[in-house]
C-alpha atoms as a PDB file:
ATOM      1  CA  GLN A   1     191.675 106.064  95.612  1.00  0.00           C
ATOM      2  CA  CYS A   2     189.133 105.953  98.327  1.00  0.00           C
ATOM      3  CA  PRO A   3     185.392 105.178  97.447  1.00  0.00           C
ATOM      4  CA  ILE A   4     183.404 108.147  96.283  1.00  0.00           C
ATOM      5  CA  MET A   5     180.868 108.891  98.973  1.00  0.00           C
ATOM      6  CA  PRO A   6     177.090 109.143  98.352  1.00  0.00           C
ATOM      7  CA  GLY A   7     176.060 112.685  97.395  1.00  0.00           C
ATOM      8  CA  THR A   8     179.627 113.604  96.224  1.00  0.00           C
ATOM      9  CA  ASN A   9     181.391 113.369  92.936  1.00  0.00           C
ATOM     10  CA  PHE A  10     184.891 112.938  91.578  1.00  0.00           C
ATOM     11  CA  THR A  11     186.133 114.147  88.158  1.00  0.00           C
ATOM     12  CA  TYR A  12     188.661 111.982  86.415  1.00  0.00           C
ATOM     13  CA  ALA A  13     191.110 113.891  84.288  1.00  0.00           C
ATOM     14  CA  ILE A  14     192.852 111.527  81.665  1.00  0.00           C
ATOM     15  CA  LYS A  15     195.051 112.260  78.829  1.00  0.00           C
ATOM     16  CA  VAL A  16     194.179 110.638  75.535  1.00  0.00           C
ATOM     17  CA  ASP A  17     196.576 111.142  72.681  1.00  0.00           C
ATOM     18  CA  THR A  18     195.527 109.232  69.551  1.00  0.00           C
ATOM     19  CA  ASN A  19     193.881 106.301  71.091  1.00  0.00           C
ATOM     20  CA  ALA A  20     190.315 106.917  70.120  1.00  0.00           C
ATOM     21  CA  GLY A  21     188.025 103.916  70.634  1.00  0.00           C
ATOM     22  CA  THR A  22     185.840 102.080  73.164  1.00  0.00           C
ATOM     23  CA  TYR A  23     187.365 101.175  76.447  1.00  0.00           C
ATOM     24  CA  PHE A  24     186.002  99.580  79.649  1.00  0.00           C
ATOM     25  CA  TRP A  25     185.810 100.935  83.214  1.00  0.00           C
ATOM     26  CA  HIS A  26     185.025  99.101  86.424  1.00  0.00           C
ATOM     27  CA  ASP A  27     185.231  99.655  90.114  1.00  0.00           C
ATOM     28  CA  HIS A  28     188.064  98.562  92.438  1.00  0.00           C
ATOM     29  CA  SER A  29     186.061  98.704  95.673  1.00  0.00           C
ATOM     30  CA  PHE A  30     184.982  95.406  97.020  1.00  0.00           C
ATOM     31  CA  ALA A  31     183.260  93.310  94.411  1.00  0.00           C
ATOM     32  CA  PHE A  32     180.834  95.672  92.881  1.00  0.00           C
ATOM     33  CA  LYS A  33     181.684  94.831  89.331  1.00  0.00           C
ATOM     34  CA  ALA A  34     179.788  91.624  89.982  1.00  0.00           C
ATOM     35  CA  ASP A  35     176.842  93.844  90.822  1.00  0.00           C
ATOM     36  CA  GLY A  36     177.184  95.733  87.514  1.00  0.00           C
ATOM     37  CA  LEU A  37     179.371  98.690  88.537  1.00  0.00           C
ATOM     38  CA  GLN A  38     181.043  98.789  85.126  1.00  0.00           C
ATOM     39  CA  GLY A  39     180.516 100.147  81.615  1.00  0.00           C
ATOM     40  CA  PRO A  40     181.853 101.399  78.273  1.00  0.00           C
ATOM     41  CA  LEU A  41     184.088 104.479  78.011  1.00  0.00           C
ATOM     42  CA  ILE A  42     183.966 105.954  74.514  1.00  0.00           C
ATOM     43  CA  ILE A  43     186.789 108.146  73.401  1.00  0.00           C
ATOM     44  CA  MET A  44     185.811 110.038  70.209  1.00  0.00           C
ATOM     45  CA  PRO A  45     188.554 110.951  67.683  1.00  0.00           C
ATOM     46  CA  ALA A  46     189.670 114.594  67.650  1.00  0.00           C
ATOM     47  CA  GLU A  47     187.541 116.817  65.316  1.00  0.00           C
ATOM     48  CA  ASP A  48     190.405 117.317  62.891  1.00  0.00           C
ATOM     49  CA  ASP A  49     191.055 113.548  62.657  1.00  0.00           C
ATOM     50  CA  PRO A  50     188.929 111.974  60.055  1.00  0.00           C
ATOM     51  CA  GLU A  51     186.963 108.652  60.723  1.00  0.00           C
ATOM     52  CA  PRO A  52     188.684 105.650  58.842  1.00  0.00           C
ATOM     53  CA  PHE A  53     185.265 104.710  57.416  1.00  0.00           C
ATOM     54  CA  GLU A  54     181.732 106.128  57.046  1.00  0.00           C
ATOM     55  CA  TYR A  55     178.720 104.793  58.951  1.00  0.00           C
ATOM     56  CA  ASP A  56     175.041 105.838  59.457  1.00  0.00           C
ATOM     57  CA  GLU A  57     174.765 105.215  63.153  1.00  0.00           C
ATOM     58  CA  GLU A  58     176.622 103.812  66.062  1.00  0.00           C
ATOM     59  CA  HIS A  59     175.497 101.475  68.886  1.00  0.00           C
ATOM     60  CA  VAL A  60     177.231 100.290  71.927  1.00  0.00           C
ATOM     61  CA  LEU A  61     176.490  96.766  73.139  1.00  0.00           C
ATOM     62  CA  PHE A  62     177.968  96.080  76.468  1.00  0.00           C
ATOM     63  CA  ILE A  63     177.630  92.437  77.746  1.00  0.00           C
ATOM     64  CA  SER A  64     178.625  91.217  81.190  1.00  0.00           C
ATOM     65  CA  ASP A  65     178.046  88.387  83.504  1.00  0.00           C
ATOM     66  CA  TRP A  66     175.003  88.638  85.866  1.00  0.00           C
ATOM     67  CA  TYR A  67     174.981  87.263  89.296  1.00  0.00           C
ATOM     68  CA  HIS A  68     171.486  86.747  90.878  1.00  0.00           C
ATOM     69  CA  THR A  69     173.139  86.844  94.329  1.00  0.00           C
ATOM     70  CA  PRO A  70     174.717  90.175  95.383  1.00  0.00           C
ATOM     71  CA  ALA A  71     178.506  90.398  95.733  1.00  0.00           C
ATOM     72  CA  ASN A  72     178.510  90.664  99.431  1.00  0.00           C
ATOM     73  CA  VAL A  73     176.573  87.543  99.903  1.00  0.00           C
ATOM     74  CA  LEU A  74     178.865  85.594  97.409  1.00  0.00           C
ATOM     75  CA  ALA A  75     181.881  86.868  99.394  1.00  0.00           C
ATOM     76  CA  MET A  76     180.589  85.754 102.640  1.00  0.00           C
ATOM     77  CA  ARG A  77     179.948  82.248 101.268  1.00  0.00           C
ATOM     78  CA  LEU A  78     183.515  82.124  99.948  1.00  0.00           C
ATOM     79  CA  SER A  79     184.923  83.096 103.318  1.00  0.00           C
ATOM     80  CA  ARG A  80     183.399  80.225 105.223  1.00  0.00           C
END
């Protein structure tokens, strides 16, 4: 897939059968994952599928490496 240009959008249609849970998305264009273009993708269970346990609230904690130098500068240094 080509990059999504500024000011435009793209809708992904995915089929999820019974795999509810938390997944991870990230880019595949250059090295923008290193700049933070990534995140959690939460698939909720179907309404008629009961949760396996009870809980009061839910939190998503997403941890990633952080580079103080932008990915394009790191790539230029590696190509020397």
